[in-house]
Protein backbone atom coordinates (compact mmCIF):
# COMPACT_ATOMS: atom_id res chain seq x y z
CA UNK A 1 -32.08 -99.95 -15.69
CA UNK A 2 -33.10 -102.64 -13.21
CA UNK A 3 -29.91 -102.08 -11.26
CA UNK A 4 -30.65 -98.36 -11.11
CA UNK A 5 -34.11 -98.97 -9.68
CA UNK A 6 -32.87 -101.21 -6.84
CA UNK A 7 -31.52 -98.29 -4.72
CA UNK A 8 -34.80 -96.46 -5.23
CA UNK A 9 -36.74 -99.55 -4.16
CA UNK A 10 -34.59 -99.92 -1.03
CA UNK A 11 -35.08 -96.24 -0.20
CA UNK A 12 -38.84 -96.52 -0.65
CA UNK A 13 -38.92 -99.65 1.55
CA UNK A 14 -36.94 -97.88 4.29
CA UNK A 15 -39.32 -94.90 4.17
CA UNK A 16 -42.39 -97.12 4.36
CA UNK A 17 -40.99 -99.10 7.31
CA UNK A 18 -40.11 -95.87 9.12
CA UNK A 19 -43.63 -94.51 8.57
CA UNK A 20 -45.09 -97.80 9.84
CA UNK A 21 -43.05 -97.61 13.07
CA UNK A 22 -44.40 -94.11 13.71
CA UNK A 23 -48.00 -95.32 13.60
CA UNK A 24 -49.98 -95.96 16.76
CA UNK A 25 -50.99 -99.43 17.92
CA UNK A 26 -54.49 -99.24 16.44
CA UNK A 27 -53.21 -97.96 13.09
CA UNK A 28 -50.56 -100.70 12.95
CA UNK A 29 -53.29 -103.23 13.65
CA UNK A 30 -55.36 -101.92 10.75
CA UNK A 31 -52.35 -102.01 8.41
CA UNK A 32 -51.68 -105.60 9.47
CA UNK A 33 -55.26 -106.66 8.71
CA UNK A 34 -55.12 -104.96 5.32
CA UNK A 35 -51.87 -106.72 4.47
CA UNK A 36 -53.34 -110.06 5.64
CA UNK A 37 -56.26 -109.64 3.28
CA UNK A 38 -54.11 -108.63 0.31
CA UNK A 39 -51.48 -111.35 0.81
CA UNK A 40 -53.63 -114.25 2.03
CA UNK A 41 -57.27 -113.21 1.50
CA UNK A 42 -57.98 -113.27 5.27
CA UNK A 43 -60.60 -111.03 6.84
CA UNK A 44 -60.22 -109.65 10.39
CA UNK A 45 -62.11 -111.57 13.06
CA UNK A 46 -62.71 -108.43 15.08
CA UNK A 47 -64.43 -105.33 13.64
CA UNK A 48 -61.88 -102.64 12.84
CA UNK A 49 -64.03 -100.49 10.62
CA UNK A 50 -67.33 -102.17 9.86
CA UNK A 51 -68.21 -100.09 6.81
CA UNK A 52 -64.79 -100.44 5.20
CA UNK A 53 -64.45 -104.22 5.53
CA UNK A 54 -68.12 -104.85 4.74
CA UNK A 55 -67.49 -103.17 1.42
CA UNK A 56 -64.27 -105.17 0.99
CA UNK A 57 -66.26 -108.40 1.49
CA UNK A 58 -68.83 -107.31 -1.12
CA UNK A 59 -66.17 -106.50 -3.69
CA UNK A 60 -64.17 -109.65 -2.90
CA UNK A 61 -67.26 -111.84 -3.37
CA UNK A 62 -67.65 -110.42 -6.89
CA UNK A 63 -63.95 -110.92 -7.69
CA UNK A 64 -63.44 -114.06 -9.83
CA UNK A 65 -59.64 -113.84 -9.92
CA UNK A 66 -58.91 -114.02 -6.18
CA UNK A 67 -55.30 -113.03 -6.77
CA UNK A 68 -53.05 -110.77 -4.75
CA UNK A 69 -53.31 -108.08 -7.42
CA UNK A 70 -57.10 -108.28 -7.56
CA UNK A 71 -57.36 -108.14 -3.77
CA UNK A 72 -55.14 -105.06 -3.78
CA UNK A 73 -57.50 -103.49 -6.34
CA UNK A 74 -60.46 -104.44 -4.14
CA UNK A 75 -58.91 -102.78 -1.08
CA UNK A 76 -58.05 -99.64 -3.05
CA UNK A 77 -61.61 -99.40 -4.36
CA UNK A 78 -63.12 -99.87 -0.89
CA UNK A 79 -60.73 -97.30 0.59
CA UNK A 80 -61.57 -94.83 -2.15
CA UNK A 81 -65.30 -95.18 -1.45
CA UNK A 82 -64.66 -94.86 2.30
CA UNK A 83 -62.73 -91.62 1.79
CA UNK A 84 -65.42 -90.35 -0.57
CA UNK A 85 -68.01 -90.82 2.17
CA UNK A 86 -65.83 -88.83 4.59
CA UNK A 87 -65.49 -85.97 2.12
CA UNK A 88 -69.01 -84.66 2.81
CA UNK A 89 -68.58 -83.98 6.57
CA UNK A 90 -65.11 -82.58 5.93
CA UNK A 91 -66.45 -80.19 3.32
CA UNK A 92 -69.26 -79.13 5.66
CA UNK A 93 -66.75 -78.40 8.42
CA UNK A 94 -64.53 -76.48 6.02
CA UNK A 95 -67.44 -74.27 4.94
CA UNK A 96 -68.42 -73.48 8.53
CA UNK A 97 -64.86 -72.83 9.72
CA UNK A 98 -63.93 -70.82 6.65
CA UNK A 99 -67.03 -68.66 6.60
CA UNK A 100 -68.10 -68.19 10.23
CA UNK A 101 -64.63 -68.46 11.75
CA UNK A 102 -63.07 -65.97 9.37
CA UNK A 103 -65.91 -63.44 9.52
CA UNK A 104 -66.12 -63.51 13.32
CA UNK A 105 -62.35 -63.34 13.74
CA UNK A 106 -62.01 -60.30 11.47
CA UNK A 107 -64.98 -58.43 12.95
CA UNK A 108 -63.74 -59.20 16.47
CA UNK A 109 -60.40 -57.59 15.64
CA UNK A 110 -62.32 -54.56 14.35
CA UNK A 111 -64.38 -54.45 17.57
CA UNK A 112 -61.31 -54.62 19.78
CA UNK A 113 -59.53 -51.95 17.77
CA UNK A 114 -62.48 -49.53 17.90
CA UNK A 115 -63.10 -50.08 21.61
CA UNK A 116 -59.40 -49.58 22.38
CA UNK A 117 -59.30 -46.19 20.65
CA UNK A 118 -62.63 -45.11 22.20
CA UNK A 119 -61.32 -45.99 25.67
CA UNK A 120 -58.11 -44.13 24.98
CA UNK A 121 -60.01 -41.05 23.72
CA UNK A 122 -62.23 -41.03 26.80
CA UNK A 123 -59.24 -41.17 29.12
CA UNK A 124 -57.55 -38.31 27.30
CA UNK A 125 -60.75 -36.24 27.11
CA UNK A 126 -62.81 -34.49 29.75
CA UNK A 127 -66.27 -36.00 29.22
CA UNK A 128 -68.42 -36.18 32.33
CA UNK A 129 -69.61 -39.44 33.89
CA UNK A 130 -73.23 -38.49 33.24
CA UNK A 131 -72.61 -38.01 29.53
CA UNK A 132 -70.97 -41.42 29.31
CA UNK A 133 -73.91 -43.04 31.05
CA UNK A 134 -76.39 -41.42 28.66
CA UNK A 135 -74.24 -42.46 25.71
CA UNK A 136 -74.35 -46.07 26.95
CA UNK A 137 -78.12 -45.85 27.38
CA UNK A 138 -78.57 -44.48 23.86
CA UNK A 139 -76.29 -47.10 22.33
CA UNK A 140 -77.98 -49.93 24.23
CA UNK A 141 -81.45 -48.83 23.14
CA UNK A 142 -80.53 -49.23 19.47
CA UNK A 143 -80.99 -53.00 19.77
CA UNK A 144 -84.52 -52.96 21.26
CA UNK A 145 -85.54 -50.20 18.83
CA UNK A 146 -84.43 -52.27 15.83
CA UNK A 147 -86.08 -55.33 17.37
CA UNK A 148 -89.39 -53.45 17.62
CA UNK A 149 -89.11 -52.24 14.04
CA UNK A 150 -88.38 -55.80 12.92
CA UNK A 151 -91.41 -57.10 14.81
CA UNK A 152 -93.66 -54.51 13.14
CA UNK A 153 -92.19 -55.41 9.76
CA UNK A 154 -92.81 -59.13 10.28
CA UNK A 155 -96.38 -58.52 11.42
CA UNK A 156 -97.00 -56.43 8.32
CA UNK A 157 -95.52 -59.11 6.04
CA UNK A 158 -97.37 -61.91 7.79
CA UNK A 159 -94.17 -63.76 8.71
CA UNK A 160 -94.34 -63.31 12.49
CA UNK A 161 -94.75 -66.45 14.57
CA UNK A 162 -95.57 -66.99 18.27
CA UNK A 163 -91.96 -68.06 18.84
CA UNK A 164 -90.54 -64.94 17.19
CA UNK A 165 -92.88 -62.66 19.18
CA UNK A 166 -91.93 -64.31 22.47
CA UNK A 167 -88.23 -64.31 21.58
CA UNK A 168 -88.21 -60.60 20.76
CA UNK A 169 -90.09 -59.68 23.96
CA UNK A 170 -87.69 -61.77 26.06
CA UNK A 171 -84.63 -60.29 24.41
CA UNK A 172 -85.84 -56.73 24.88
CA UNK A 173 -86.66 -57.46 28.53
CA UNK A 174 -83.25 -59.01 29.16
CA UNK A 175 -81.52 -56.01 27.60
CA UNK A 176 -83.53 -53.50 29.62
CA UNK A 177 -82.92 -55.45 32.81
CA UNK A 178 -79.19 -55.57 32.11
CA UNK A 179 -79.13 -51.81 31.48
CA UNK A 180 -80.88 -51.13 34.79
CA UNK A 181 -78.44 -53.44 36.62
CA UNK A 182 -75.45 -51.69 35.09
CA UNK A 183 -76.84 -48.28 36.03
CA UNK A 184 -77.60 -49.26 39.63
CA UNK A 185 -74.11 -50.68 40.16
CA UNK A 186 -72.40 -47.70 38.52
CA UNK A 187 -70.88 -49.87 35.77
CA UNK A 188 -72.66 -48.06 32.94
CA UNK A 189 -70.20 -45.17 32.92
CA UNK A 190 -67.29 -47.55 32.14
CA UNK A 191 -68.93 -49.57 29.37
CA UNK A 192 -69.16 -47.01 26.56
CA UNK A 193 -66.12 -48.38 24.63
CA UNK A 194 -67.54 -51.91 24.87
CA UNK A 195 -71.00 -50.76 23.75
CA UNK A 196 -69.65 -48.84 20.74
CA UNK A 197 -67.24 -51.63 19.76
CA UNK A 198 -70.02 -54.19 20.06
CA UNK A 199 -72.28 -52.13 17.81
CA UNK A 200 -69.59 -51.87 15.13
CA UNK A 201 -68.93 -55.60 15.44
CA UNK A 202 -72.61 -56.51 14.97
CA UNK A 203 -73.01 -54.19 11.99
CA UNK A 204 -69.88 -55.49 10.26
CA UNK A 205 -70.67 -59.12 10.99
CA UNK A 206 -74.27 -58.75 9.80
CA UNK A 207 -73.15 -57.17 6.53
CA UNK A 208 -70.54 -59.89 5.96
CA UNK A 209 -73.08 -62.61 6.73
CA UNK A 210 -75.51 -61.10 4.23
CA UNK A 211 -72.87 -61.14 1.51
CA UNK A 212 -71.54 -64.61 2.45
CA UNK A 213 -74.53 -66.55 3.85
CA UNK A 214 -74.18 -70.02 5.36
CA UNK A 215 -77.00 -72.36 4.37
CA UNK A 216 -77.81 -75.91 5.38
CA UNK A 217 -80.47 -78.50 4.68
CA UNK A 218 -80.90 -79.57 8.31
CA UNK A 219 -84.30 -79.52 9.96
CA UNK A 220 -85.78 -76.29 11.27
CA UNK A 221 -84.87 -75.21 14.80
CA UNK A 222 -86.81 -76.91 17.58
CA UNK A 223 -86.77 -76.71 21.36
CA UNK A 224 -84.80 -79.93 21.95
CA UNK A 225 -82.05 -79.09 19.46
CA UNK A 226 -81.86 -75.49 20.64
CA UNK A 227 -81.69 -76.61 24.27
CA UNK A 228 -78.78 -78.96 23.58
CA UNK A 229 -76.99 -76.27 21.59
CA UNK A 230 -77.57 -73.76 24.39
CA UNK A 231 -75.88 -76.00 26.95
CA UNK A 232 -72.95 -76.66 24.62
CA UNK A 233 -72.63 -72.96 23.80
CA UNK A 234 -72.54 -71.95 27.45
CA UNK A 235 -69.94 -74.59 28.30
CA UNK A 236 -67.78 -73.54 25.35
CA UNK A 237 -68.00 -69.87 26.32
CA UNK A 238 -66.89 -70.63 29.87
CA UNK A 239 -63.95 -72.80 28.80
CA UNK A 240 -62.78 -70.31 26.18
CA UNK A 241 -63.14 -67.43 28.64
CA UNK A 242 -60.96 -69.34 31.09
CA UNK A 243 -58.45 -69.92 28.32
CA UNK A 244 -58.66 -66.24 27.36
CA UNK A 245 -57.24 -65.28 30.74
CA UNK A 246 -53.90 -66.59 29.54
CA UNK A 247 -53.97 -64.33 26.47
CA UNK A 248 -52.57 -60.78 26.49
CA UNK A 249 -54.91 -57.89 27.21
CA UNK A 250 -56.72 -56.48 24.20
CA UNK A 251 -59.36 -53.87 23.41
CA UNK A 252 -60.47 -51.42 26.11
CA UNK A 253 -58.82 -53.46 28.87
CA UNK A 254 -55.45 -52.80 27.25
CA UNK A 255 -56.11 -49.07 26.96
CA UNK A 256 -57.33 -48.92 30.56
CA UNK A 257 -53.96 -50.16 31.80
CA UNK A 258 -52.04 -47.66 29.66
CA UNK A 259 -50.61 -50.22 27.26
CA UNK A 260 -50.09 -49.40 23.60
CA UNK A 261 -52.25 -50.85 20.88
CA UNK A 262 -51.40 -54.41 19.82
CA UNK A 263 -52.85 -55.97 16.68
CA UNK A 264 -51.45 -59.34 17.74
CA UNK A 265 -53.42 -59.30 21.01
CA UNK A 266 -56.61 -58.42 19.12
CA UNK A 267 -55.89 -61.18 16.59
CA UNK A 268 -55.65 -63.73 19.41
CA UNK A 269 -59.00 -62.55 20.75
CA UNK A 270 -60.45 -62.76 17.25
CA UNK A 271 -59.16 -66.31 16.76
CA UNK A 272 -60.69 -67.46 20.05
CA UNK A 273 -64.03 -65.82 19.29
CA UNK A 274 -64.02 -67.13 15.72
CA UNK A 275 -63.39 -70.66 16.96
CA UNK A 276 -66.24 -70.36 19.48
CA UNK A 277 -68.75 -69.15 16.88
CA UNK A 278 -67.70 -71.75 14.31
CA UNK A 279 -68.06 -74.45 16.96
CA UNK A 280 -71.51 -73.13 17.81
CA UNK A 281 -72.58 -73.33 14.16
CA UNK A 282 -71.29 -76.89 13.89
CA UNK A 283 -73.07 -78.04 17.07
CA UNK A 284 -76.29 -76.25 16.08
CA UNK A 285 -76.41 -77.86 12.63
CA UNK A 286 -75.56 -81.31 14.01
CA UNK A 287 -78.28 -81.04 16.66
CA UNK A 288 -80.85 -79.98 14.06
CA UNK A 289 -79.91 -82.87 11.79
CA UNK A 290 -79.85 -85.54 14.53
CA UNK A 291 -83.10 -87.53 14.47
CA UNK A 292 -83.10 -87.90 18.26
CA UNK A 293 -83.39 -84.13 18.78
CA UNK A 294 -85.17 -83.08 15.58
CA UNK A 295 -88.77 -84.17 14.93
CA UNK A 296 -89.83 -85.92 11.76
CA UNK A 297 -91.05 -83.64 8.97
CA UNK A 298 -94.78 -83.17 8.53
CA UNK A 299 -96.80 -85.10 5.97
CA UNK A 300 -96.88 -82.13 3.63
CA UNK A 301 -93.11 -81.69 3.73
CA UNK A 302 -91.04 -82.29 0.64
CA UNK A 303 -88.97 -84.68 2.77
CA UNK A 304 -91.91 -86.74 4.05
CA UNK A 305 -90.98 -89.79 1.92
CA UNK A 306 -89.06 -92.23 4.19
CA UNK A 307 -86.77 -93.36 1.37
CA UNK A 308 -85.87 -89.75 0.58
CA UNK A 309 -85.18 -89.11 4.25
CA UNK A 310 -82.75 -92.03 4.42
CA UNK A 311 -80.89 -90.88 1.33
CA UNK A 312 -80.67 -87.24 2.30
CA UNK A 313 -77.15 -86.15 3.21
CA UNK A 314 -76.42 -83.13 5.39
CA UNK A 315 -74.96 -80.28 3.37
CA UNK A 316 -73.62 -76.99 4.69
CA UNK A 317 -72.44 -74.50 2.12
CA UNK A 318 -71.20 -70.93 2.20
CA UNK A 319 -71.94 -68.82 -0.85
CA UNK A 320 -71.39 -65.30 -2.12
CA UNK A 321 -74.30 -63.18 -3.26
CA UNK A 322 -75.33 -59.61 -3.77
CA UNK A 323 -78.03 -59.07 -1.14
CA UNK A 324 -81.19 -57.24 -2.15
CA UNK A 325 -83.07 -54.76 0.00
CA UNK A 326 -85.20 -57.45 1.64
CA UNK A 327 -82.17 -59.51 2.64
CA UNK A 328 -80.38 -56.47 4.03
CA UNK A 329 -83.50 -55.53 5.98
CA UNK A 330 -83.68 -59.07 7.40
CA UNK A 331 -80.02 -58.84 8.42
CA UNK A 332 -80.63 -55.52 10.19
CA UNK A 333 -84.06 -55.94 11.79
CA UNK A 334 -84.01 -59.67 12.58
CA UNK A 335 -80.74 -61.39 13.46
CA UNK A 336 -78.79 -58.11 13.59
CA UNK A 337 -81.16 -56.45 16.05
CA UNK A 338 -81.31 -59.48 18.35
CA UNK A 339 -77.57 -60.10 18.18
CA UNK A 340 -76.90 -56.45 19.04
CA UNK A 341 -79.24 -56.63 22.03
CA UNK A 342 -77.67 -59.90 23.16
CA UNK A 343 -74.14 -58.50 22.99
CA UNK A 344 -75.07 -55.39 24.94
CA UNK A 345 -76.95 -57.42 27.55
CA UNK A 346 -73.98 -59.71 28.17
CA UNK A 347 -71.55 -56.78 28.43
CA UNK A 348 -73.83 -54.85 30.80
CA UNK A 349 -74.46 -57.78 33.14
CA UNK A 350 -70.79 -58.82 33.27
CA UNK A 351 -69.88 -55.19 33.91
CA UNK A 352 -72.43 -54.97 36.72
CA UNK A 353 -71.14 -58.16 38.35
CA UNK A 354 -67.56 -56.87 38.04
CA UNK A 355 -68.58 -53.66 39.82
CA UNK A 356 -70.17 -55.66 42.63
CA UNK A 357 -67.08 -57.84 42.97
CA UNK A 358 -64.87 -54.76 43.26
CA UNK A 359 -66.86 -53.69 46.32
CA UNK A 360 -66.93 -57.17 47.85
CA UNK A 361 -64.42 -59.20 49.81
CA UNK A 362 -64.13 -61.94 47.20
CA UNK A 363 -60.57 -63.07 46.65
CA UNK A 364 -59.07 -61.58 43.49
CA UNK A 365 -58.14 -65.04 42.25
CA UNK A 366 -61.78 -66.07 42.10
CA UNK A 367 -63.14 -62.93 40.45
CA UNK A 368 -62.10 -64.00 36.97
CA UNK A 369 -63.81 -67.40 37.35
CA UNK A 370 -66.98 -65.76 38.63
CA UNK A 371 -67.06 -63.34 35.71
CA UNK A 372 -66.48 -66.19 33.27
CA UNK A 373 -69.32 -68.14 34.85
CA UNK A 374 -71.54 -65.07 34.57
CA UNK A 375 -70.58 -64.75 30.90
CA UNK A 376 -71.48 -68.39 30.24
CA UNK A 377 -74.77 -68.05 32.09
CA UNK A 378 -75.76 -64.95 30.13
CA UNK A 379 -74.75 -66.66 26.88
CA UNK A 380 -77.23 -69.43 27.66
CA UNK A 381 -79.96 -67.01 28.78
CA UNK A 382 -79.90 -65.02 25.54
CA UNK A 383 -79.49 -68.05 23.27
CA UNK A 384 -83.08 -69.27 23.04
CA UNK A 385 -84.63 -65.78 22.58
CA UNK A 386 -82.08 -65.08 19.84
CA UNK A 387 -82.60 -68.35 17.97
CA UNK A 388 -86.40 -68.32 18.12
CA UNK A 389 -86.72 -64.55 17.77
CA UNK A 390 -85.63 -64.73 14.12
CA UNK A 391 -87.91 -67.59 13.11
CA UNK A 392 -90.51 -66.89 10.46
CA UNK A 393 -93.85 -68.50 9.80
CA UNK A 394 -93.49 -70.69 6.71
CA UNK A 395 -96.82 -72.58 6.82
CA UNK A 396 -94.95 -75.85 7.53
CA UNK A 397 -93.03 -75.72 4.26
CA UNK A 398 -89.34 -76.60 4.24
CA UNK A 399 -87.15 -73.62 3.41
CA UNK A 400 -83.39 -73.36 3.08
CA UNK A 401 -82.38 -70.82 5.69
CA UNK A 402 -79.28 -69.20 7.06
CA UNK A 403 -77.70 -70.89 10.03
CA UNK A 404 -78.18 -68.48 12.94
CA UNK A 405 -76.25 -68.14 16.17
CA UNK A 406 -75.14 -65.52 18.68
């Protein structure tokens, strides 16, 4: 039996040596330090991973045997605890990527598909330019109307806050200003497919978010955290828009050039948008949980005990529930209304700038970069009104709330 195991042992040794050679320099250094501890009981002079080897020292000090086998058991135990500590952030990331990324990707594909067929129908039909403009105006006004209804509802329920009032007023003003700009530049008549597709996207995403909410135990939104997230969101939107120029045309742009419908092109757009929104959720939660950006809880908070604060671990979880009427109303009149207004405002302003560029002498190679910069700028402009527009007065009590983003 021993003779039969020798070939297996040789094969295993060859595999291990091959895997070791494929490691990078830093990883090989770590493996060498681990082997030095197991074989000779030596600790690394330099700090490779402070937490890991600190725990190894603690376990080794309590080890009476001091044998190679016991040191191997010590290293395995320390490694297990180190991996256990990394499981929490990994699980948080998986919940955000799985929930937000998947929902946004699927609803983006739906948006692109609807806008493609609307654009195609308009090109095959005989609707007048004036009727298209009025249709855009009517569709755009849905967002401010829902925002006003949500504000009245919050005032009636006593949940309105100064931040939410200011956020809603700013968002409505931005949307109205964008609509006027699109009308004056003549872009409004070309944006009906985008407006309709955006409305379907917001409705579908809001419903999916209500059924599969994402909750976290980070601190409530504050100006510092929201400001940092705004800058990161704008930068991400610009970079992804630049990357999107390499992707095939999708949505109304594809129909406008006479190309046939492509689910693959829409799926690429959905993947990019899903990644952007998942990244935004991750950055927003991290900023809210970082003590440098988030203020300490008040004295009447359930987390006011310093020891409890030190032991609290960030948790982000996606769940499935059957929303009641109040939750559906919140999804429609709060985040849904503001998100709809934000989407329309961005589309209208980018469309207006595109119309101006068509009449200018700007080189065609720079137009895409300018439009992407305009998109990033608008994404940052609408971010703070959107985030603070959905806040509710909670009388300084900590509440578990849905993670919100554009």
